[in-house]
Amino acid sequence: MNPTTTPKTPATAPSTESFAAIEAGRTRFARLRGSLQQVLAAASLVVIVVFFSVASPHFFTANNLVSILTAATVTGVLALGTTFVIITGGIDLSIGTGMVLSGVMAGVFLTYLGWPLWAGVAATILFGGLIGLINGVNVSVLGIPPFIATLGMMLIAAGLSLVISGTKPIYFNDTPEFQSIMNLSIIPGIRFPLGVAIFVVMIVLAAVLLSKTILGRYTFSIGSNEAATALSGVNVRRWKIIVYTLAGLFVGLAGVLSASRLSSAQPTGGMGLELEAIAAVVIGGTSLQGGKGSIVGTVIGALIMAVLTNGLRIISVPQEWQSVAVGIVILVAVYLDMLRRRRA
């Protein structure tokens, strides 16, 4: 070595503390961004409510607000389960027709077979879980893409609903207590349906599962980086099956609530509800790419969808234009999700 040459000092590598500080900063920024998206969604809900309140004096009334909550209950319950699936990076297109098939099975259990109320309701919810379990096995074990697997289940459920019911509605005239599950008012002097209270309980349950349990942690982890999650020793296949089964249980409950609200199981309904539920999830800030979402945001999204549909009906917008409006909302929600991902 030339004595006049000064040895170069090697560049100092960033310390572990520096990396930890950077990662903590990123985490705080992600949480702040997620909270901001929820605030924006809530502000959008307020703006829509104000608009329809000005447009029609019949909108902001006690009875109509209860009607909005009642309408949001079924879609909201579907959206709660779908939130878990979408956070994992999956999708479930079978929740609408799966809900209808569950309602038909409620008619079979309670009307055709004459089971007790509690047994029929429990069996219906478990039947919805079976639909989700099959979806989970198709996606995780057989490796079928979630879109295709759940699209196939959507068609199967729609067909089975018609076959089992004989293409005719099943009425619950002999089980009036079943009709009370959704429609019974639980507050004396105030019309507050039991179904809405059940929805509130499900919101709390879903929020706890997503934020306070190992299921929630693995749900986010799988959606953020499935390969890294598997390398860390997590049985990704098993947990994806659990997530889809959980979503199916919510589908079964939605089938009970829907059939109870209508006092009948309608085998020809359900098409399009999956899009409304997915739109509610995405409007609430859950990313279709997975790894990010919240139950609070999903509830706000479900309320936005219910308020929009109810408000358009109140101001006498034709049904076909209501469908156009809902379709536009879905497109905007997906586009905003794409923008969020690009910025992230």
Protein backbone atom coordinates (compact mmCIF):
# COMPACT_ATOMS: atom_id res chain seq x y z
CA MET A 1 0.00 0.00 0.00
CA ASN A 2 1.26 3.48 -0.84
CA PRO A 3 2.09 5.24 2.44
CA THR A 4 0.61 8.46 1.11
CA THR A 5 -2.74 6.78 0.40
CA THR A 6 -5.33 7.30 3.06
CA PRO A 7 -7.42 4.21 3.70
CA LYS A 8 -11.07 4.68 2.82
CA THR A 9 -13.45 4.43 5.70
CA PRO A 10 -16.17 1.91 4.91
CA ALA A 11 -19.69 3.29 4.73
CA THR A 12 -21.52 2.83 7.96
CA ALA A 13 -24.42 0.44 7.55
CA PRO A 14 -27.74 1.58 8.92
CA SER A 15 -28.26 0.29 12.42
CA THR A 16 -31.03 -2.02 13.51
CA GLU A 17 -32.53 0.89 15.42
CA SER A 18 -32.66 2.93 12.20
CA PHE A 19 -34.52 0.19 10.39
CA ALA A 20 -36.92 -0.16 13.31
CA ALA A 21 -37.57 3.59 13.31
CA ILE A 22 -38.22 3.59 9.58
CA GLU A 23 -40.57 0.62 9.85
CA ALA A 24 -42.41 2.22 12.78
CA GLY A 25 -42.81 5.39 10.74
CA ARG A 26 -44.25 3.43 7.83
CA THR A 27 -46.67 1.64 10.15
CA ARG A 28 -47.87 4.91 11.68
CA PHE A 29 -48.29 6.41 8.21
CA ALA A 30 -50.30 3.38 7.02
CA ARG A 31 -52.56 3.61 10.07
CA LEU A 32 -53.02 7.33 9.56
CA ARG A 33 -53.85 6.80 5.90
CA GLY A 34 -56.36 4.07 6.79
CA SER A 35 -58.00 6.32 9.38
CA LEU A 36 -58.17 9.15 6.86
CA GLN A 37 -59.92 6.89 4.35
CA GLN A 38 -62.50 5.95 6.97
CA VAL A 39 -63.04 9.61 7.79
CA LEU A 40 -63.52 10.40 4.10
CA ALA A 41 -66.00 7.53 3.76
CA ALA A 42 -67.91 8.76 6.81
CA ALA A 43 -67.91 12.31 5.40
CA SER A 44 -69.27 10.97 2.12
CA LEU A 45 -72.07 9.26 4.03
CA VAL A 46 -72.95 12.52 5.77
CA VAL A 47 -72.98 14.41 2.45
CA ILE A 48 -75.30 11.82 0.86
CA VAL A 49 -77.66 11.95 3.85
CA VAL A 50 -77.76 15.76 3.73
CA PHE A 51 -78.41 15.73 -0.02
CA PHE A 52 -81.38 13.36 0.19
CA SER A 53 -82.70 15.16 3.27
CA VAL A 54 -82.83 18.39 1.25
CA ALA A 55 -84.19 16.63 -1.83
CA SER A 56 -87.10 15.02 0.00
CA PRO A 57 -88.85 15.81 3.30
CA HIS A 58 -89.71 12.12 3.64
CA PHE A 59 -86.08 10.98 3.83
CA PHE A 60 -84.86 12.12 7.25
CA THR A 61 -87.67 10.65 9.31
CA ALA A 62 -87.51 8.09 12.10
CA ASN A 63 -89.36 5.42 10.14
CA ASN A 64 -87.24 5.85 7.02
CA LEU A 65 -83.98 5.83 8.97
CA VAL A 66 -85.03 2.55 10.57
CA SER A 67 -85.87 1.26 7.09
CA ILE A 68 -82.35 2.19 5.96
CA LEU A 69 -80.80 0.32 8.89
CA THR A 70 -83.01 -2.68 8.17
CA ALA A 71 -82.00 -2.66 4.50
CA ALA A 72 -78.33 -2.33 5.47
CA THR A 73 -78.53 -5.31 7.81
CA VAL A 74 -78.54 -8.12 5.24
CA THR A 75 -75.98 -6.51 2.94
CA GLY A 76 -73.93 -5.50 5.96
CA VAL A 77 -73.80 -9.03 7.39
CA LEU A 78 -72.67 -10.34 3.99
CA ALA A 79 -70.05 -7.59 3.81
CA LEU A 80 -68.67 -8.40 7.27
CA GLY A 81 -67.72 -11.92 6.23
CA THR A 82 -66.52 -10.78 2.83
CA THR A 83 -64.14 -8.33 4.49
CA PHE A 84 -62.04 -11.20 5.83
CA VAL A 85 -61.91 -12.89 2.42
CA ILE A 86 -60.90 -9.73 0.56
CA ILE A 87 -58.22 -8.85 3.11
CA THR A 88 -56.59 -12.22 2.33
CA GLY A 89 -56.50 -11.17 -1.33
CA GLY A 90 -59.43 -13.39 -2.30
CA ILE A 91 -62.97 -12.75 -3.50
CA ASP A 92 -66.32 -14.45 -2.94
CA LEU A 93 -68.95 -14.10 -5.64
CA SER A 94 -71.21 -16.76 -4.14
CA ILE A 95 -72.45 -14.83 -1.11
CA GLY A 96 -75.64 -13.55 -2.79
CA THR A 97 -76.96 -16.84 -4.12
CA GLY A 98 -75.44 -18.64 -1.13
CA MET A 99 -77.61 -16.46 1.09
CA VAL A 100 -80.69 -17.38 -0.97
CA LEU A 101 -79.84 -21.10 -0.80
CA SER A 102 -79.41 -20.78 2.98
CA GLY A 103 -82.84 -19.14 3.20
CA VAL A 104 -84.33 -22.00 1.18
CA MET A 105 -82.70 -24.49 3.54
CA ALA A 106 -84.22 -22.60 6.47
CA GLY A 107 -87.59 -23.23 4.81
CA VAL A 108 -86.73 -26.92 4.45
CA PHE A 109 -85.64 -27.27 8.07
CA LEU A 110 -88.48 -25.30 9.65
CA THR A 111 -91.42 -25.77 7.25
CA TYR A 112 -90.87 -29.09 5.49
CA LEU A 113 -89.13 -30.97 8.31
CA GLY A 114 -90.76 -29.14 11.20
CA TRP A 115 -87.59 -28.66 13.24
CA PRO A 116 -87.61 -26.42 16.35
CA LEU A 117 -86.71 -22.79 15.71
CA TRP A 118 -83.29 -22.91 17.34
CA ALA A 119 -82.31 -26.09 15.49
CA GLY A 120 -83.49 -24.77 12.13
CA VAL A 121 -81.66 -21.45 12.55
CA ALA A 122 -78.45 -23.14 13.73
CA ALA A 123 -78.57 -25.64 10.86
CA THR A 124 -79.09 -22.82 8.36
CA ILE A 125 -76.06 -20.89 9.64
CA LEU A 126 -73.97 -24.06 9.59
CA PHE A 127 -75.15 -24.77 6.05
CA GLY A 128 -73.80 -21.37 5.04
CA GLY A 129 -70.54 -22.34 6.72
CA LEU A 130 -70.51 -25.51 4.59
CA ILE A 131 -70.73 -23.38 1.44
CA GLY A 132 -67.78 -21.33 2.66
CA LEU A 133 -65.85 -24.48 3.57
CA ILE A 134 -66.26 -25.83 0.05
CA ASN A 135 -65.09 -22.49 -1.36
CA GLY A 136 -62.07 -22.56 0.94
CA VAL A 137 -61.12 -26.11 -0.08
CA ASN A 138 -61.49 -25.27 -3.76
CA VAL A 139 -59.27 -22.21 -3.39
CA SER A 140 -56.66 -23.50 -0.92
CA VAL A 141 -56.40 -27.23 -1.59
CA LEU A 142 -57.35 -27.54 -5.26
CA GLY A 143 -55.72 -24.24 -6.19
CA ILE A 144 -58.67 -22.90 -8.16
CA PRO A 145 -58.52 -19.08 -8.46
CA PRO A 146 -60.98 -17.49 -6.01
CA PHE A 147 -62.88 -15.72 -8.80
CA ILE A 148 -63.54 -18.97 -10.67
CA ALA A 149 -64.14 -21.10 -7.57
CA THR A 150 -66.74 -18.76 -6.12
CA LEU A 151 -68.29 -18.01 -9.51
CA GLY A 152 -68.92 -21.72 -9.90
CA MET A 153 -70.40 -21.88 -6.41
CA MET A 154 -72.61 -18.89 -7.24
CA LEU A 155 -74.15 -20.78 -10.16
CA ILE A 156 -74.45 -24.01 -8.16
CA ALA A 157 -76.21 -22.24 -5.28
CA ALA A 158 -78.60 -20.48 -7.67
CA GLY A 159 -79.50 -23.77 -9.32
CA LEU A 160 -79.90 -25.70 -6.06
CA SER A 161 -82.21 -22.99 -4.69
CA LEU A 162 -84.58 -23.58 -7.60
CA VAL A 163 -84.30 -27.37 -7.45
CA ILE A 164 -84.85 -27.71 -3.70
CA SER A 165 -87.73 -25.23 -3.56
CA GLY A 166 -89.36 -26.47 -6.75
CA THR A 167 -88.97 -22.93 -8.18
CA LYS A 168 -91.62 -21.72 -5.68
CA PRO A 169 -91.26 -19.52 -2.59
CA ILE A 170 -91.32 -21.28 0.78
CA TYR A 171 -93.49 -19.41 3.31
CA PHE A 172 -93.07 -19.48 7.08
CA ASN A 173 -96.76 -19.14 7.94
CA ASP A 174 -96.56 -21.99 10.46
CA THR A 175 -93.54 -20.51 12.24
CA PRO A 176 -94.42 -16.91 13.19
CA GLU A 177 -91.56 -16.84 15.70
CA PHE A 178 -89.12 -17.15 12.78
CA GLN A 179 -90.55 -13.97 11.28
CA SER A 180 -89.78 -12.18 14.55
CA ILE A 181 -86.02 -12.75 14.20
CA MET A 182 -85.77 -9.80 11.82
CA ASN A 183 -88.94 -7.81 12.39
CA LEU A 184 -89.62 -7.91 16.14
CA SER A 185 -89.25 -4.47 17.75
CA ILE A 186 -87.10 -4.79 20.86
CA ILE A 187 -87.58 -1.25 22.23
CA PRO A 188 -91.08 -0.45 23.56
CA GLY A 189 -92.66 2.46 21.73
CA ILE A 190 -89.87 2.64 19.15
CA ARG A 191 -89.60 0.62 15.94
CA PHE A 192 -86.15 -0.88 16.32
CA PRO A 193 -86.03 -4.36 14.73
CA LEU A 194 -84.26 -7.26 16.39
CA GLY A 195 -82.42 -7.87 13.11
CA VAL A 196 -80.64 -4.53 13.41
CA ALA A 197 -79.53 -5.43 16.94
CA ILE A 198 -78.18 -8.74 15.61
CA PHE A 199 -76.27 -6.77 12.96
CA VAL A 200 -74.72 -4.61 15.67
CA VAL A 201 -73.64 -7.69 17.63
CA MET A 202 -72.09 -9.15 14.46
CA ILE A 203 -70.19 -5.90 13.87
CA VAL A 204 -68.65 -6.12 17.34
CA LEU A 205 -67.84 -9.82 16.89
CA ALA A 206 -66.23 -9.29 13.48
CA ALA A 207 -64.22 -6.31 14.76
CA VAL A 208 -62.87 -8.36 17.67
CA LEU A 209 -62.00 -11.29 15.43
CA LEU A 210 -60.18 -9.07 12.95
CA SER A 211 -58.27 -6.88 15.40
CA LYS A 212 -57.77 -8.96 18.54
CA THR A 213 -57.30 -12.59 17.51
CA ILE A 214 -54.74 -14.72 15.73
CA LEU A 215 -57.27 -15.21 12.93
CA GLY A 216 -57.21 -11.48 12.24
CA ARG A 217 -53.42 -11.31 12.33
CA TYR A 218 -53.06 -14.18 9.88
CA THR A 219 -55.78 -12.72 7.67
CA PHE A 220 -53.78 -9.51 7.24
CA SER A 221 -50.50 -11.41 6.95
CA ILE A 222 -51.77 -13.69 4.17
CA GLY A 223 -53.14 -10.72 2.25
CA SER A 224 -49.94 -8.70 2.65
CA ASN A 225 -47.49 -11.44 1.65
CA GLU A 226 -48.77 -15.00 1.39
CA ALA A 227 -45.38 -16.50 0.50
CA ALA A 228 -43.62 -14.88 3.45
CA THR A 229 -46.43 -15.97 5.76
CA ALA A 230 -46.03 -19.58 4.60
CA LEU A 231 -42.25 -19.41 5.03
CA SER A 232 -42.73 -18.24 8.61
CA GLY A 233 -44.40 -21.54 9.43
CA VAL A 234 -48.05 -20.57 9.14
CA ASN A 235 -50.33 -23.16 7.53
CA VAL A 236 -51.76 -20.78 4.94
CA ARG A 237 -54.07 -23.36 3.40
CA ARG A 238 -55.75 -24.12 6.70
CA TRP A 239 -56.24 -20.48 7.62
CA LYS A 240 -57.67 -19.59 4.22
CA ILE A 241 -60.18 -22.41 4.62
CA ILE A 242 -61.09 -20.99 8.04
CA VAL A 243 -61.54 -17.51 6.56
CA TYR A 244 -63.83 -18.72 3.78
CA THR A 245 -65.79 -20.87 6.26
CA LEU A 246 -66.23 -17.85 8.53
CA ALA A 247 -67.54 -15.84 5.58
CA GLY A 248 -69.95 -18.71 4.88
CA LEU A 249 -71.30 -18.55 8.44
CA PHE A 250 -72.11 -14.89 7.87
CA VAL A 251 -73.82 -15.90 4.62
CA GLY A 252 -75.94 -18.41 6.51
CA LEU A 253 -76.94 -15.77 9.06
CA ALA A 254 -77.80 -13.35 6.25
CA GLY A 255 -80.02 -16.06 4.76
CA VAL A 256 -81.88 -16.35 8.06
CA LEU A 257 -82.33 -12.58 8.35
CA SER A 258 -83.42 -12.16 4.73
CA ALA A 259 -85.96 -15.00 4.88
CA SER A 260 -87.26 -13.72 8.20
CA ARG A 261 -87.65 -10.20 6.86
CA LEU A 262 -89.65 -11.40 3.85
CA SER A 263 -91.45 -14.14 5.83
CA SER A 264 -90.52 -16.41 2.95
CA ALA A 265 -87.57 -17.95 1.13
CA GLN A 266 -87.45 -16.58 -2.41
CA PRO A 267 -85.38 -18.94 -4.59
CA THR A 268 -84.99 -16.47 -7.46
CA GLY A 269 -83.36 -13.62 -5.53
CA GLY A 270 -79.82 -12.87 -4.43
CA MET A 271 -78.21 -12.01 -7.76
CA GLY A 272 -76.38 -8.72 -7.43
CA LEU A 273 -76.17 -8.72 -3.63
CA GLU A 274 -72.60 -9.97 -3.83
CA LEU A 275 -71.66 -6.85 -5.81
CA GLU A 276 -73.31 -4.56 -3.28
CA ALA A 277 -71.52 -6.31 -0.42
CA ILE A 278 -68.15 -6.18 -2.19
CA ALA A 279 -68.74 -2.52 -3.04
CA ALA A 280 -69.50 -1.80 0.63
CA VAL A 281 -66.23 -3.45 1.63
CA VAL A 282 -64.17 -1.54 -0.95
CA ILE A 283 -65.88 1.80 -0.25
CA GLY A 284 -64.91 1.32 3.39
CA GLY A 285 -61.21 1.21 2.49
CA THR A 286 -60.50 -2.52 2.19
CA SER A 287 -58.14 -3.15 -0.71
CA LEU A 288 -59.06 -5.68 -3.40
CA GLN A 289 -55.36 -6.57 -3.51
CA GLY A 290 -55.50 -7.71 0.12
CA GLY A 291 -53.58 -6.83 3.25
CA LYS A 292 -55.65 -3.83 4.33
CA GLY A 293 -59.15 -3.25 5.62
CA SER A 294 -61.36 -2.67 8.64
CA ILE A 295 -64.79 -3.59 9.94
CA VAL A 296 -65.67 0.03 10.71
CA GLY A 297 -65.01 0.98 7.10
CA THR A 298 -67.14 -1.91 5.87
CA VAL A 299 -70.07 -0.79 8.04
CA ILE A 300 -69.78 2.74 6.68
CA GLY A 301 -69.72 1.35 3.14
CA ALA A 302 -72.83 -0.76 3.79
CA LEU A 303 -74.65 2.30 5.13
CA ILE A 304 -73.63 4.31 2.07
CA MET A 305 -75.07 1.63 -0.23
CA ALA A 306 -78.31 1.45 1.79
CA VAL A 307 -78.72 5.24 1.97
CA LEU A 308 -78.05 5.60 -1.76
CA THR A 309 -80.62 2.95 -2.72
CA ASN A 310 -83.23 4.27 -0.30
CA GLY A 311 -82.68 7.91 -1.26
CA LEU A 312 -82.99 7.24 -4.97
CA ARG A 313 -86.22 5.40 -4.32
CA ILE A 314 -87.55 8.22 -2.12
CA ILE A 315 -86.99 10.83 -4.83
CA SER A 316 -88.71 8.55 -7.36
CA VAL A 317 -85.72 7.63 -9.49
CA PRO A 318 -86.72 4.69 -11.76
CA GLN A 319 -85.42 1.26 -10.83
CA GLU A 320 -83.26 0.98 -13.93
CA TRP A 321 -81.48 4.25 -13.09
CA GLN A 322 -80.99 3.07 -9.53
CA SER A 323 -79.05 0.11 -10.94
CA VAL A 324 -77.00 2.51 -13.05
CA ALA A 325 -76.17 4.60 -9.97
CA VAL A 326 -75.12 1.56 -7.94
CA GLY A 327 -72.97 0.36 -10.84
CA ILE A 328 -71.24 3.74 -11.03
CA VAL A 329 -70.55 3.64 -7.29
CA ILE A 330 -68.96 0.20 -7.65
CA LEU A 331 -66.73 1.39 -10.51
CA VAL A 332 -65.68 4.50 -8.59
CA ALA A 333 -64.92 2.42 -5.49
CA VAL A 334 -62.70 0.01 -7.42
CA TYR A 335 -60.93 2.87 -9.21
CA LEU A 336 -60.22 4.64 -5.92
CA ASP A 337 -58.83 1.40 -4.55
CA MET A 338 -56.48 1.22 -7.55
CA LEU A 339 -55.34 4.79 -6.91
CA ARG A 340 -54.67 3.96 -3.25
CA ARG A 341 -52.53 1.01 -4.24
CA ARG A 342 -50.50 3.06 -6.74
CA ARG A 343 -49.81 5.78 -4.19
CA ALA A 344 -48.90 3.20 -1.57
